[in-house]
PDB file of N, CA and C in Angstrom:
ATOM      1  N   MET A   1      97.533 112.111 137.492  1.00  0.00           N
ATOM      2  CA  MET A   1      98.182 111.737 136.261  1.00  0.00           C
ATOM      3  C   MET A   1      97.466 110.514 135.695  1.00  0.00           C
ATOM      4  N   PRO A   2      97.020 110.580 134.424  1.00  0.00           N
ATOM      5  CA  PRO A   2      96.304 109.438 133.849  1.00  0.00           C
ATOM      6  C   PRO A   2      97.206 108.210 133.679  1.00  0.00           C
ATOM      7  N   ILE A   3      96.577 107.064 133.745  1.00  0.00           N
ATOM      8  CA  ILE A   3      97.278 105.785 133.551  1.00  0.00           C
ATOM      9  C   ILE A   3      96.866 105.217 132.201  1.00  0.00           C
ATOM     10  N   ILE A   4      97.849 104.714 131.476  1.00  0.00           N
ATOM     11  CA  ILE A   4      97.607 104.031 130.201  1.00  0.00           C
ATOM     12  C   ILE A   4      97.845 102.551 130.450  1.00  0.00           C
ATOM     13  N   LYS A   5      96.816 101.760 130.245  1.00  0.00           N
ATOM     14  CA  LYS A   5      96.966 100.305 130.322  1.00  0.00           C
ATOM     15  C   LYS A   5      97.160  99.815 128.897  1.00  0.00           C
ATOM     16  N   ILE A   6      98.274  99.132 128.649  1.00  0.00           N
ATOM     17  CA  ILE A   6      98.581  98.601 127.322  1.00  0.00           C
ATOM     18  C   ILE A   6      98.311  97.099 127.369  1.00  0.00           C
ATOM     19  N   LEU A   7      97.424  96.655 126.520  1.00  0.00           N
ATOM     20  CA  LEU A   7      97.121  95.227 126.452  1.00  0.00           C
ATOM     21  C   LEU A   7      98.329  94.478 125.896  1.00  0.00           C
ATOM     22  N   PRO A   8      98.483  93.202 126.234  1.00  0.00           N
ATOM     23  CA  PRO A   8      99.657  92.449 125.773  1.00  0.00           C
ATOM     24  C   PRO A   8      99.821  92.488 124.251  1.00  0.00           C
ATOM     25  N   HIS A   9     101.060  92.668 123.820  1.00  0.00           N
ATOM     26  CA  HIS A   9     101.444  92.644 122.406  1.00  0.00           C
ATOM     27  C   HIS A   9     102.710  91.798 122.327  1.00  0.00           C
ATOM     28  N   PRO A  10     102.770  90.825 121.418  1.00  0.00           N
ATOM     29  CA  PRO A  10     103.891  89.878 121.414  1.00  0.00           C
ATOM     30  C   PRO A  10     105.270  90.526 121.267  1.00  0.00           C
ATOM     31  N   GLU A  11     105.356  91.665 120.630  1.00  0.00           N
ATOM     32  CA  GLU A  11     106.656  92.296 120.405  1.00  0.00           C
ATOM     33  C   GLU A  11     106.934  93.445 121.374  1.00  0.00           C
ATOM     34  N   TYR A  12     105.989  94.349 121.539  1.00  0.00           N
ATOM     35  CA  TYR A  12     106.254  95.580 122.282  1.00  0.00           C
ATOM     36  C   TYR A  12     106.132  95.430 123.793  1.00  0.00           C
ATOM     37  N   CYS A  13     105.185  94.640 124.262  1.00  0.00           N
ATOM     38  CA  CYS A  13     105.051  94.398 125.708  1.00  0.00           C
ATOM     39  C   CYS A  13     104.272  93.099 125.904  1.00  0.00           C
ATOM     40  N   PRO A  14     104.973  91.974 125.838  1.00  0.00           N
ATOM     41  CA  PRO A  14     104.315  90.668 125.885  1.00  0.00           C
ATOM     42  C   PRO A  14     103.428  90.446 127.111  1.00  0.00           C
ATOM     43  N   GLN A  15     103.759  91.046 128.231  1.00  0.00           N
ATOM     44  CA  GLN A  15     102.973  90.868 129.449  1.00  0.00           C
ATOM     45  C   GLN A  15     101.918  91.956 129.621  1.00  0.00           C
ATOM     46  N   GLY A  16     101.873  92.913 128.701  1.00  0.00           N
ATOM     47  CA  GLY A  16     101.042  94.083 128.906  1.00  0.00           C
ATOM     48  C   GLY A  16     101.773  95.034 129.829  1.00  0.00           C
ATOM     49  N   ALA A  17     101.230  96.207 130.041  1.00  0.00           N
ATOM     50  CA  ALA A  17     101.904  97.184 130.900  1.00  0.00           C
ATOM     51  C   ALA A  17     100.913  98.246 131.335  1.00  0.00           C
ATOM     52  N   GLU A  18     101.283  98.950 132.385  1.00  0.00           N
ATOM     53  CA  GLU A  18     100.571 100.137 132.825  1.00  0.00           C
ATOM     54  C   GLU A  18     101.602 101.221 133.057  1.00  0.00           C
ATOM     55  N   VAL A  19     101.394 102.372 132.436  1.00  0.00           N
ATOM     56  CA  VAL A  19     102.302 103.498 132.590  1.00  0.00           C
ATOM     57  C   VAL A  19     101.471 104.745 132.894  1.00  0.00           C
ATOM     58  N   SER A  20     102.091 105.722 133.499  1.00  0.00           N
ATOM     59  CA  SER A  20     101.400 106.987 133.736  1.00  0.00           C
ATOM     60  C   SER A  20     102.169 108.092 133.040  1.00  0.00           C
ATOM     61  N   ALA A  21     101.451 109.136 132.692  1.00  0.00           N
ATOM     62  CA  ALA A  21     102.046 110.280 132.014  1.00  0.00           C
ATOM     63  C   ALA A  21     101.185 111.501 132.308  1.00  0.00           C
ATOM     64  N   PRO A  22     101.769 112.675 132.258  1.00  0.00           N
ATOM     65  CA  PRO A  22     100.979 113.884 132.523  1.00  0.00           C
ATOM     66  C   PRO A  22      99.931 114.122 131.444  1.00  0.00           C
ATOM     67  N   ALA A  23      98.810 114.694 131.850  1.00  0.00           N
ATOM     68  CA  ALA A  23      97.806 115.130 130.876  1.00  0.00           C
ATOM     69  C   ALA A  23      98.494 116.075 129.894  1.00  0.00           C
ATOM     70  N   GLY A  24      98.095 115.987 128.617  1.00  0.00           N
ATOM     71  CA  GLY A  24      98.718 116.803 127.577  1.00  0.00           C
ATOM     72  C   GLY A  24      99.810 116.077 126.817  1.00  0.00           C
ATOM     73  N   THR A  25     100.175 114.877 127.277  1.00  0.00           N
ATOM     74  CA  THR A  25     101.171 114.042 126.611  1.00  0.00           C
ATOM     75  C   THR A  25     100.464 113.144 125.611  1.00  0.00           C
ATOM     76  N   SER A  26     101.084 112.898 124.469  1.00  0.00           N
ATOM     77  CA  SER A  26     100.475 111.954 123.526  1.00  0.00           C
ATOM     78  C   SER A  26     100.702 110.529 124.034  1.00  0.00           C
ATOM     79  N   ILE A  27      99.826 109.638 123.636  1.00  0.00           N
ATOM     80  CA  ILE A  27      99.988 108.231 124.006  1.00  0.00           C
ATOM     81  C   ILE A  27     101.324 107.708 123.496  1.00  0.00           C
ATOM     82  N   CYS A  28     101.692 108.080 122.288  1.00  0.00           N
ATOM     83  CA  CYS A  28     102.957 107.614 121.713  1.00  0.00           C
ATOM     84  C   CYS A  28     104.144 108.078 122.558  1.00  0.00           C
ATOM     85  N   GLU A  29     104.165 109.344 122.920  1.00  0.00           N
ATOM     86  CA  GLU A  29     105.260 109.860 123.754  1.00  0.00           C
ATOM     87  C   GLU A  29     105.330 109.127 125.083  1.00  0.00           C
ATOM     88  N   ALA A  30     104.174 108.883 125.682  1.00  0.00           N
ATOM     89  CA  ALA A  30     104.143 108.189 126.966  1.00  0.00           C
ATOM     90  C   ALA A  30     104.703 106.773 126.840  1.00  0.00           C
ATOM     91  N   LEU A  31     104.308 106.062 125.779  1.00  0.00           N
ATOM     92  CA  LEU A  31     104.821 104.703 125.586  1.00  0.00           C
ATOM     93  C   LEU A  31     106.333 104.726 125.385  1.00  0.00           C
ATOM     94  N   LEU A  32     106.802 105.608 124.526  1.00  0.00           N
ATOM     95  CA  LEU A  32     108.236 105.693 124.266  1.00  0.00           C
ATOM     96  C   LEU A  32     109.013 106.061 125.525  1.00  0.00           C
ATOM     97  N   ASP A  33     108.470 106.983 126.330  1.00  0.00           N
ATOM     98  CA  ASP A  33     109.127 107.377 127.579  1.00  0.00           C
ATOM     99  C   ASP A  33     109.267 106.218 128.550  1.00  0.00           C
ATOM    100  N   HIS A  34     108.394 105.211 128.413  1.00  0.00           N
ATOM    101  CA  HIS A  34     108.432 104.044 129.293  1.00  0.00           C
ATOM    102  C   HIS A  34     109.013 102.813 128.589  1.00  0.00           C
ATOM    103  N   LYS A  35     109.798 103.054 127.552  1.00  0.00           N
ATOM    104  CA  LYS A  35     110.541 101.988 126.844  1.00  0.00           C
ATOM    105  C   LYS A  35     109.646 100.983 126.127  1.00  0.00           C
ATOM    106  N   ILE A  36     108.432 101.400 125.769  1.00  0.00           N
ATOM    107  CA  ILE A  36     107.573 100.590 124.905  1.00  0.00           C
ATOM    108  C   ILE A  36     107.733 101.200 123.526  1.00  0.00           C
ATOM    109  N   ASN A  37     108.594 100.600 122.727  1.00  0.00           N
ATOM    110  CA  ASN A  37     109.078 101.207 121.495  1.00  0.00           C
ATOM    111  C   ASN A  37     108.154 100.999 120.305  1.00  0.00           C
ATOM    112  N   ILE A  38     106.967 101.559 120.412  1.00  0.00           N
ATOM    113  CA  ILE A  38     105.987 101.514 119.344  1.00  0.00           C
ATOM    114  C   ILE A  38     106.561 102.196 118.096  1.00  0.00           C
ATOM    115  N   GLU A  39     106.199 101.682 116.933  1.00  0.00           N
ATOM    116  CA  GLU A  39     106.665 102.303 115.692  1.00  0.00           C
ATOM    117  C   GLU A  39     106.132 103.729 115.583  1.00  0.00           C
ATOM    118  N   HIS A  40     106.942 104.586 114.988  1.00  0.00           N
ATOM    119  CA  HIS A  40     106.566 105.983 114.766  1.00  0.00           C
ATOM    120  C   HIS A  40     107.447 106.559 113.662  1.00  0.00           C
ATOM    121  N   ALA A  41     107.239 106.051 112.460  1.00  0.00           N
ATOM    122  CA  ALA A  41     108.129 106.339 111.336  1.00  0.00           C
ATOM    123  C   ALA A  41     108.186 107.819 110.949  1.00  0.00           C
ATOM    124  N   CYS A  42     107.144 108.584 111.230  1.00  0.00           N
ATOM    125  CA  CYS A  42     107.134 109.998 110.816  1.00  0.00           C
ATOM    126  C   CYS A  42     107.546 110.933 111.948  1.00  0.00           C
ATOM    127  N   ASP A  43     108.104 110.383 113.013  1.00  0.00           N
ATOM    128  CA  ASP A  43     108.540 111.180 114.167  1.00  0.00           C
ATOM    129  C   ASP A  43     107.418 112.021 114.762  1.00  0.00           C
ATOM    130  N   LEU A  44     106.253 111.424 114.900  1.00  0.00           N
ATOM    131  CA  LEU A  44     105.106 112.003 115.603  1.00  0.00           C
ATOM    132  C   LEU A  44     104.488 113.212 114.910  1.00  0.00           C
ATOM    133  N   SER A  45     104.552 113.243 113.581  1.00  0.00           N
ATOM    134  CA  SER A  45     104.053 114.418 112.850  1.00  0.00           C
ATOM    135  C   SER A  45     102.726 114.182 112.137  1.00  0.00           C
ATOM    136  N   CYS A  46     102.034 113.103 112.422  1.00  0.00           N
ATOM    137  CA  CYS A  46     100.743 112.781 111.801  1.00  0.00           C
ATOM    138  C   CYS A  46     100.877 112.653 110.288  1.00  0.00           C
ATOM    139  N   ALA A  47     101.918 111.946 109.854  1.00  0.00           N
ATOM    140  CA  ALA A  47     102.147 111.777 108.421  1.00  0.00           C
ATOM    141  C   ALA A  47     102.154 110.310 107.994  1.00  0.00           C
ATOM    142  N   CYS A  48     102.004 109.392 108.933  1.00  0.00           N
ATOM    143  CA  CYS A  48     101.951 107.971 108.591  1.00  0.00           C
ATOM    144  C   CYS A  48     100.966 107.314 109.545  1.00  0.00           C
ATOM    145  N   THR A  49     100.862 106.022 109.538  1.00  0.00           N
ATOM    146  CA  THR A  49      99.960 105.344 110.487  1.00  0.00           C
ATOM    147  C   THR A  49     100.675 104.270 111.291  1.00  0.00           C
ATOM    148  N   THR A  50     101.985 104.330 111.369  1.00  0.00           N
ATOM    149  CA  THR A  50     102.721 103.263 112.049  1.00  0.00           C
ATOM    150  C   THR A  50     102.498 103.244 113.558  1.00  0.00           C
ATOM    151  N   CYS A  51     102.035 104.347 114.139  1.00  0.00           N
ATOM    152  CA  CYS A  51     101.788 104.389 115.587  1.00  0.00           C
ATOM    153  C   CYS A  51     100.321 104.137 115.917  1.00  0.00           C
ATOM    154  N   HIS A  52      99.586 103.562 114.993  1.00  0.00           N
ATOM    155  CA  HIS A  52      98.157 103.273 115.168  1.00  0.00           C
ATOM    156  C   HIS A  52      97.927 102.408 116.404  1.00  0.00           C
ATOM    157  N   VAL A  53      96.972 102.824 117.224  1.00  0.00           N
ATOM    158  CA  VAL A  53      96.519 102.033 118.365  1.00  0.00           C
ATOM    159  C   VAL A  53      94.992 102.011 118.365  1.00  0.00           C
ATOM    160  N   ILE A  54      94.438 101.079 119.103  1.00  0.00           N
ATOM    161  CA  ILE A  54      92.997 101.015 119.287  1.00  0.00           C
ATOM    162  C   ILE A  54      92.735 101.344 120.751  1.00  0.00           C
ATOM    163  N   VAL A  55      91.968 102.392 120.974  1.00  0.00           N
ATOM    164  CA  VAL A  55      91.652 102.820 122.339  1.00  0.00           C
ATOM    165  C   VAL A  55      90.416 102.040 122.788  1.00  0.00           C
ATOM    166  N   ARG A  56      90.628 101.079 123.663  1.00  0.00           N
ATOM    167  CA  ARG A  56      89.541 100.215 124.130  1.00  0.00           C
ATOM    168  C   ARG A  56      88.693 100.888 125.208  1.00  0.00           C
ATOM    169  N   GLU A  57      89.290 101.771 125.990  1.00  0.00           N
ATOM    170  CA  GLU A  57      88.563 102.535 127.006  1.00  0.00           C
ATOM    171  C   GLU A  57      89.172 103.927 127.066  1.00  0.00           C
ATOM    172  N   GLY A  58      88.313 104.929 127.262  1.00  0.00           N
ATOM    173  CA  GLY A  58      88.806 106.294 127.399  1.00  0.00           C
ATOM    174  C   GLY A  58      88.947 107.024 126.075  1.00  0.00           C
ATOM    175  N   PHE A  59      88.212 106.599 125.070  1.00  0.00           N
ATOM    176  CA  PHE A  59      88.316 107.188 123.736  1.00  0.00           C
ATOM    177  C   PHE A  59      87.904 108.654 123.746  1.00  0.00           C
ATOM    178  N   ASN A  60      88.664 109.480 123.048  1.00  0.00           N
ATOM    179  CA  ASN A  60      88.250 110.866 122.841  1.00  0.00           C
ATOM    180  C   ASN A  60      88.236 111.162 121.343  1.00  0.00           C
ATOM    181  N   GLU A  61      87.631 112.255 120.987  1.00  0.00           N
ATOM    182  CA  GLU A  61      87.418 112.583 119.575  1.00  0.00           C
ATOM    183  C   GLU A  61      88.725 112.884 118.843  1.00  0.00           C
ATOM    184  N   LEU A  62      88.720 112.623 117.553  1.00  0.00           N
ATOM    185  CA  LEU A  62      89.882 112.901 116.726  1.00  0.00           C
ATOM    186  C   LEU A  62      89.545 114.005 115.730  1.00  0.00           C
ATOM    187  N   ASP A  63      90.598 114.667 115.233  1.00  0.00           N
ATOM    188  CA  ASP A  63      90.344 115.732 114.268  1.00  0.00           C
ATOM    189  C   ASP A  63      90.320 115.161 112.850  1.00  0.00           C
ATOM    190  N   GLU A  64      89.916 115.974 111.915  1.00  0.00           N
ATOM    191  CA  GLU A  64      89.693 115.518 110.538  1.00  0.00           C
ATOM    192  C   GLU A  64      90.964 115.017 109.862  1.00  0.00           C
ATOM    193  N   SER A  65      92.110 115.667 110.101  1.00  0.00           N
ATOM    194  CA  SER A  65      93.353 115.225 109.450  1.00  0.00           C
ATOM    195  C   SER A  65      93.769 113.843 109.933  1.00  0.00           C
ATOM    196  N   GLU A  66      93.592 113.588 111.226  1.00  0.00           N
ATOM    197  CA  GLU A  66      93.901 112.259 111.755  1.00  0.00           C
ATOM    198  C   GLU A  66      92.933 111.230 111.195  1.00  0.00           C
ATOM    199  N   GLU A  67      91.668 111.567 111.137  1.00  0.00           N
ATOM    200  CA  GLU A  67      90.652 110.650 110.629  1.00  0.00           C
ATOM    201  C   GLU A  67      90.930 110.268 109.173  1.00  0.00           C
ATOM    202  N   ASP A  68      91.319 111.236 108.361  1.00  0.00           N
ATOM    203  CA  ASP A  68      91.634 110.960 106.956  1.00  0.00           C
ATOM    204  C   ASP A  68      92.832 110.024 106.831  1.00  0.00           C
ATOM    205  N   LEU A  69      93.847 110.237 107.630  1.00  0.00           N
ATOM    206  CA  LEU A  69      95.050 109.415 107.572  1.00  0.00           C
ATOM    207  C   LEU A  69      94.790 107.997 108.079  1.00  0.00           C
ATOM    208  N   LEU A  70      93.949 107.864 109.076  1.00  0.00           N
ATOM    209  CA  LEU A  70      93.663 106.548 109.653  1.00  0.00           C
ATOM    210  C   LEU A  70      93.095 105.559 108.640  1.00  0.00           C
ATOM    211  N   ASP A  71      92.497 106.057 107.585  1.00  0.00           N
ATOM    212  CA  ASP A  71      91.945 105.159 106.566  1.00  0.00           C
ATOM    213  C   ASP A  71      92.995 104.206 106.006  1.00  0.00           C
ATOM    214  N   ARG A  72      94.276 104.561 106.143  1.00  0.00           N
ATOM    215  CA  ARG A  72      95.358 103.713 105.621  1.00  0.00           C
ATOM    216  C   ARG A  72      95.915 102.738 106.656  1.00  0.00           C
ATOM    217  N   ALA A  73      95.417 102.799 107.874  1.00  0.00           N
ATOM    218  CA  ALA A  73      95.954 101.960 108.946  1.00  0.00           C
ATOM    219  C   ALA A  73      95.513 100.515 108.788  1.00  0.00           C
ATOM    220  N   TRP A  74      96.400  99.587 109.149  1.00  0.00           N
ATOM    221  CA  TRP A  74      96.070  98.168 109.143  1.00  0.00           C
ATOM    222  C   TRP A  74      95.196  97.890 110.360  1.00  0.00           C
ATOM    223  N   GLY A  75      94.116  97.133 110.175  1.00  0.00           N
ATOM    224  CA  GLY A  75      93.265  96.719 111.278  1.00  0.00           C
ATOM    225  C   GLY A  75      92.426  97.840 111.864  1.00  0.00           C
ATOM    226  N   LEU A  76      92.020  98.769 111.025  1.00  0.00           N
ATOM    227  CA  LEU A  76      91.252  99.929 111.467  1.00  0.00           C
ATOM    228  C   LEU A  76      89.960  99.509 112.175  1.00  0.00           C
ATOM    229  N   GLU A  77      89.667 100.141 113.306  1.00  0.00           N
ATOM    230  CA  GLU A  77      88.441  99.918 114.066  1.00  0.00           C
ATOM    231  C   GLU A  77      87.823 101.272 114.409  1.00  0.00           C
ATOM    232  N   PRO A  78      86.575 101.304 114.832  1.00  0.00           N
ATOM    233  CA  PRO A  78      85.933 102.586 115.151  1.00  0.00           C
ATOM    234  C   PRO A  78      86.684 103.425 116.198  1.00  0.00           C
ATOM    235  N   ASN A  79      87.394 102.782 117.127  1.00  0.00           N
ATOM    236  CA  ASN A  79      88.127 103.507 118.158  1.00  0.00           C
ATOM    237  C   ASN A  79      89.618 103.592 117.869  1.00  0.00           C
ATOM    238  N   SER A  80      89.992 103.472 116.597  1.00  0.00           N
ATOM    239  CA  SER A  80      91.392 103.594 116.219  1.00  0.00           C
ATOM    240  C   SER A  80      91.848 105.037 116.370  1.00  0.00           C
ATOM    241  N   ARG A  81      93.108 105.196 116.760  1.00  0.00           N
ATOM    242  CA  ARG A  81      93.729 106.510 116.877  1.00  0.00           C
ATOM    243  C   ARG A  81      95.174 106.398 116.436  1.00  0.00           C
ATOM    244  N   LEU A  82      95.736 107.510 116.016  1.00  0.00           N
ATOM    245  CA  LEU A  82      97.179 107.608 115.855  1.00  0.00           C
ATOM    246  C   LEU A  82      97.704 108.006 117.226  1.00  0.00           C
ATOM    247  N   SER A  83      98.557 107.179 117.803  1.00  0.00           N
ATOM    248  CA  SER A  83      98.979 107.454 119.181  1.00  0.00           C
ATOM    249  C   SER A  83      99.767 108.750 119.291  1.00  0.00           C
ATOM    250  N   CYS A  84     100.339 109.226 118.183  1.00  0.00           N
ATOM    251  CA  CYS A  84     101.054 110.506 118.225  1.00  0.00           C
ATOM    252  C   CYS A  84     100.098 111.691 118.313  1.00  0.00           C
ATOM    253  N   GLN A  85      98.834 111.478 117.980  1.00  0.00           N
ATOM    254  CA  GLN A  85      97.833 112.546 117.998  1.00  0.00           C
ATOM    255  C   GLN A  85      96.832 112.405 119.132  1.00  0.00           C
ATOM    256  N   ALA A  86      96.800 111.255 119.785  1.00  0.00           N
ATOM    257  CA  ALA A  86      95.871 111.015 120.885  1.00  0.00           C
ATOM    258  C   ALA A  86      96.487 111.575 122.167  1.00  0.00           C
ATOM    259  N   ILE A  87      95.969 112.708 122.595  1.00  0.00           N
ATOM    260  CA  ILE A  87      96.523 113.415 123.742  1.00  0.00           C
ATOM    261  C   ILE A  87      95.762 113.024 125.008  1.00  0.00           C
ATOM    262  N   LEU A  88      96.520 112.686 126.035  1.00  0.00           N
ATOM    263  CA  LEU A  88      95.923 112.281 127.301  1.00  0.00           C
ATOM    264  C   LEU A  88      95.219 113.451 127.971  1.00  0.00           C
ATOM    265  N   ALA A  89      94.038 113.182 128.507  1.00  0.00           N
ATOM    266  CA  ALA A  89      93.316 114.146 129.336  1.00  0.00           C
ATOM    267  C   ALA A  89      93.503 113.673 130.781  1.00  0.00           C
ATOM    268  N   LEU A  90      92.492 113.747 131.584  1.00  0.00           N
ATOM    269  CA  LEU A  90      92.601 113.318 132.978  1.00  0.00           C
ATOM    270  C   LEU A  90      92.168 111.878 133.190  1.00  0.00           C
ATOM    271  N   ASP A  91      91.454 111.310 132.212  1.00  0.00           N
ATOM    272  CA  ASP A  91      90.934 109.957 132.347  1.00  0.00           C
ATOM    273  C   ASP A  91      91.980 108.909 131.970  1.00  0.00           C
ATOM    274  N   ASN A  92      91.888 107.766 132.612  1.00  0.00           N
ATOM    275  CA  ASN A  92      92.736 106.629 132.255  1.00  0.00           C
ATOM    276  C   ASN A  92      92.287 106.078 130.905  1.00  0.00           C
ATOM    277  N   VAL A  93      93.197 105.429 130.198  1.00  0.00           N
ATOM    278  CA  VAL A  93      92.866 104.816 128.919  1.00  0.00           C
ATOM    279  C   VAL A  93      93.421 103.399 128.867  1.00  0.00           C
ATOM    280  N   VAL A  94      92.786 102.582 128.038  1.00  0.00           N
ATOM    281  CA  VAL A  94      93.251 101.226 127.748  1.00  0.00           C
ATOM    282  C   VAL A  94      93.489 101.181 126.250  1.00  0.00           C
ATOM    283  N   VAL A  95      94.704 100.780 125.849  1.00  0.00           N
ATOM    284  CA  VAL A  95      95.020 100.734 124.422  1.00  0.00           C
ATOM    285  C   VAL A  95      95.511  99.351 124.024  1.00  0.00           C
ATOM    286  N   GLU A  96      95.247  99.048 122.776  1.00  0.00           N
ATOM    287  CA  GLU A  96      95.752  97.827 122.154  1.00  0.00           C
ATOM    288  C   GLU A  96      96.593  98.250 120.964  1.00  0.00           C
ATOM    289  N   ILE A  97      97.797  97.722 120.884  1.00  0.00           N
ATOM    290  CA  ILE A  97      98.657  97.971 119.726  1.00  0.00           C
ATOM    291  C   ILE A  97      98.376  96.856 118.732  1.00  0.00           C
ATOM    292  N   PRO A  98      97.936  97.214 117.507  1.00  0.00           N
ATOM    293  CA  PRO A  98      97.644  96.159 116.529  1.00  0.00           C
ATOM    294  C   PRO A  98      98.865  95.289 116.235  1.00  0.00           C
ATOM    295  N   LYS A  99      98.595  94.091 115.822  1.00  0.00           N
ATOM    296  CA  LYS A  99      99.669  93.131 115.541  1.00  0.00           C
ATOM    297  C   LYS A  99     100.575  93.604 114.415  1.00  0.00           C
ATOM    298  N   TYR A 100     100.012  94.278 113.414  1.00  0.00           N
ATOM    299  CA  TYR A 100     100.786  94.722 112.256  1.00  0.00           C
ATOM    300  C   TYR A 100     100.622  96.217 112.038  1.00  0.00           C
ATOM    301  N   SER A 101     101.520  96.779 111.248  1.00  0.00           N
ATOM    302  CA  SER A 101     101.371  98.160 110.785  1.00  0.00           C
ATOM    303  C   SER A 101     101.624  98.161 109.278  1.00  0.00           C
ATOM    304  N   ILE A 102     101.515  99.325 108.675  1.00  0.00           N
ATOM    305  CA  ILE A 102     101.755  99.409 107.232  1.00  0.00           C
ATOM    306  C   ILE A 102     103.248  99.392 106.910  1.00  0.00           C
ATOM    307  N   ASN A 103     104.095  99.501 107.912  1.00  0.00           N
ATOM    308  CA  ASN A 103     105.535  99.517 107.700  1.00  0.00           C
ATOM    309  C   ASN A 103     106.036  98.133 107.306  1.00  0.00           C
ATOM    310  N   HIS A 104     106.813  98.063 106.271  1.00  0.00           N
ATOM    311  CA  HIS A 104     107.413  96.783 105.873  1.00  0.00           C
ATOM    312  C   HIS A 104     108.757  96.568 106.555  1.00  0.00           C
ATOM    313  N   ALA A 105     109.396  97.659 106.985  1.00  0.00           N
ATOM    314  CA  ALA A 105     110.679  97.578 107.662  1.00  0.00           C
ATOM    315  C   ALA A 105     110.639  98.517 108.859  1.00  0.00           C
ATOM    316  N   LYS A 106     111.182  98.078 109.967  1.00  0.00           N
ATOM    317  CA  LYS A 106     111.201  98.914 111.167  1.00  0.00           C
ATOM    318  C   LYS A 106     112.239 100.015 111.008  1.00  0.00           C
ATOM    319  N   GLU A 107     111.965 101.146 111.653  1.00  0.00           N
ATOM    320  CA  GLU A 107     112.833 102.316 111.538  1.00  0.00           C
ATOM    321  C   GLU A 107     113.925 102.360 112.602  1.00  0.00           C
ATOM    322  N   ASN A 108     113.889 101.453 113.571  1.00  0.00           N
ATOM    323  CA  ASN A 108     114.879 101.399 114.654  1.00  0.00           C
ATOM    324  C   ASN A 108     115.002 102.700 115.424  1.00  0.00           C
ATOM    325  N   HIS A 109     113.881 103.251 115.832  1.00  0.00           N
ATOM    326  CA  HIS A 109     113.901 104.488 116.624  1.00  0.00           C
ATOM    327  C   HIS A 109     114.358 104.195 118.021  1.00  0.00           C
TER     328      HIS A 109
END
């Protein structure tokens, strides 16, 4: 089972965290399952960028629809992904949750 290392984020996991999830799970689902309440305003449907993460290690390719949507993400980097679309394979990953998102108000999911 792959391990996701989450770098420290002042709101979502101040100390950082490591969680595991089965291959085939999205990064967003894995974080939510482990009580790391990352924003996900569109309910994981690839319609917003609030679940944007930066994959520091273990990056895999993204599809064209995700790439087009990412252009609207705050703090976009070459290894940016929508965590709802980034599906875990067998390799471990290291992710950073950006400090901000495009959301002006939290959805309280």
